[in-house]
Amino acid sequence: MIDNDFGFSTVDDEVIDDTNKILAENYQKAFAKAESKLDNITTLIVAFLDKLAVDPKKAALKWPNRAEVVLKLKNDILTIRNS
């Protein structure tokens, strides 16, 4: 006897439409979350760069606690990225 079960079946267009709708909603939610994260990270980086650009005529920066500031910024970015 020949086994004609190939492991698939057919579905109605309604099932496909419902599945596509769910996928689209999930995509929109994921995109909105990623966009929000990018906006937050951009805000942090732009503020940092703006601060660096203050008084550009001076040749040097006095930045005695730069390690603290940079590590905090790095941690803030990673927190947003991993949320």
Protein backbone atom coordinates (compact mmCIF):
# COMPACT_ATOMS: atom_id res chain seq x y z
CA MET A 1 0.00 0.00 0.00
CA ILE A 2 1.25 3.50 -0.87
CA ASP A 3 1.26 6.13 1.87
CA ASN A 4 -0.19 9.33 0.41
CA ASP A 5 0.18 11.42 3.57
CA PHE A 6 2.83 13.99 2.83
CA GLY A 7 2.32 15.91 6.08
CA PHE A 8 0.41 18.93 4.80
CA SER A 9 -3.16 20.00 4.38
CA THR A 10 -4.99 22.86 2.74
CA VAL A 11 -6.48 25.86 4.51
CA ASP A 12 -9.14 28.41 3.65
CA ASP A 13 -8.27 31.97 2.66
CA GLU A 14 -9.82 33.11 5.94
CA VAL A 15 -7.15 31.25 7.93
CA ILE A 16 -4.42 32.82 5.81
CA ASP A 17 -5.96 36.28 6.22
CA ASP A 18 -6.22 35.85 10.00
CA THR A 19 -2.62 34.68 10.20
CA ASN A 20 -1.41 37.58 8.07
CA LYS A 21 -3.33 40.02 10.27
CA ILE A 22 -1.71 38.60 13.43
CA LEU A 23 1.74 38.73 11.84
CA ALA A 24 1.20 42.34 10.74
CA GLU A 25 0.09 43.36 14.25
CA ASN A 26 3.12 41.66 15.81
CA TYR A 27 5.42 43.34 13.29
CA GLN A 28 3.91 46.76 14.01
CA LYS A 29 4.37 46.29 17.77
CA ALA A 30 7.98 45.14 17.36
CA PHE A 31 8.71 48.02 14.99
CA ALA A 32 7.21 50.58 17.38
CA LYS A 33 9.27 49.18 20.27
CA ALA A 34 12.48 49.26 18.20
CA GLU A 35 11.72 52.79 17.01
CA SER A 36 11.16 53.95 20.59
CA LYS A 37 14.46 52.40 21.68
CA LEU A 38 16.26 54.07 18.79
CA ASP A 39 14.70 57.43 19.66
CA ASN A 40 15.82 57.10 23.29
CA ILE A 41 19.36 56.09 22.34
CA THR A 42 19.55 58.91 19.80
CA THR A 43 18.50 61.40 22.47
CA LEU A 44 21.28 60.21 24.78
CA ILE A 45 23.96 60.30 22.10
CA VAL A 46 22.93 63.67 20.68
CA ALA A 47 22.92 65.23 24.16
CA PHE A 48 26.41 63.82 24.75
CA LEU A 49 27.69 65.13 21.42
CA ASP A 50 26.09 68.54 21.97
CA LYS A 51 27.87 68.79 25.31
CA LEU A 52 31.18 67.90 23.64
CA ALA A 53 30.63 70.59 21.01
CA VAL A 54 30.21 73.41 23.55
CA ASP A 55 32.83 76.14 23.10
CA PRO A 56 34.58 74.60 20.07
CA LYS A 57 37.20 77.36 19.90
CA LYS A 58 39.00 75.94 22.90
CA ALA A 59 41.69 73.41 21.95
CA ALA A 60 41.22 71.00 24.86
CA LEU A 61 38.56 69.58 27.13
CA LYS A 62 38.88 69.40 30.89
CA TRP A 63 37.06 66.22 31.76
CA PRO A 64 38.36 64.74 34.99
CA ASN A 65 35.49 62.28 35.57
CA ARG A 66 35.10 61.16 31.96
CA ALA A 67 35.26 57.45 32.80
CA GLU A 68 32.22 57.79 35.08
CA VAL A 69 30.27 59.80 32.53
CA VAL A 70 31.12 57.54 29.60
CA LEU A 71 30.36 54.37 31.57
CA LYS A 72 27.00 55.80 32.69
CA LEU A 73 26.13 56.70 29.10
CA LYS A 74 27.22 53.24 27.95
CA ASN A 75 25.10 51.57 30.65
CA ASP A 76 22.09 53.75 29.82
CA ILE A 77 22.39 52.81 26.14
CA LEU A 78 22.74 49.11 26.94
CA THR A 79 19.77 49.25 29.33
CA ILE A 80 17.59 50.73 26.59
CA ARG A 81 18.92 48.27 24.01
CA ASN A 82 18.27 45.25 26.25
CA SER A 83 14.82 46.32 27.48
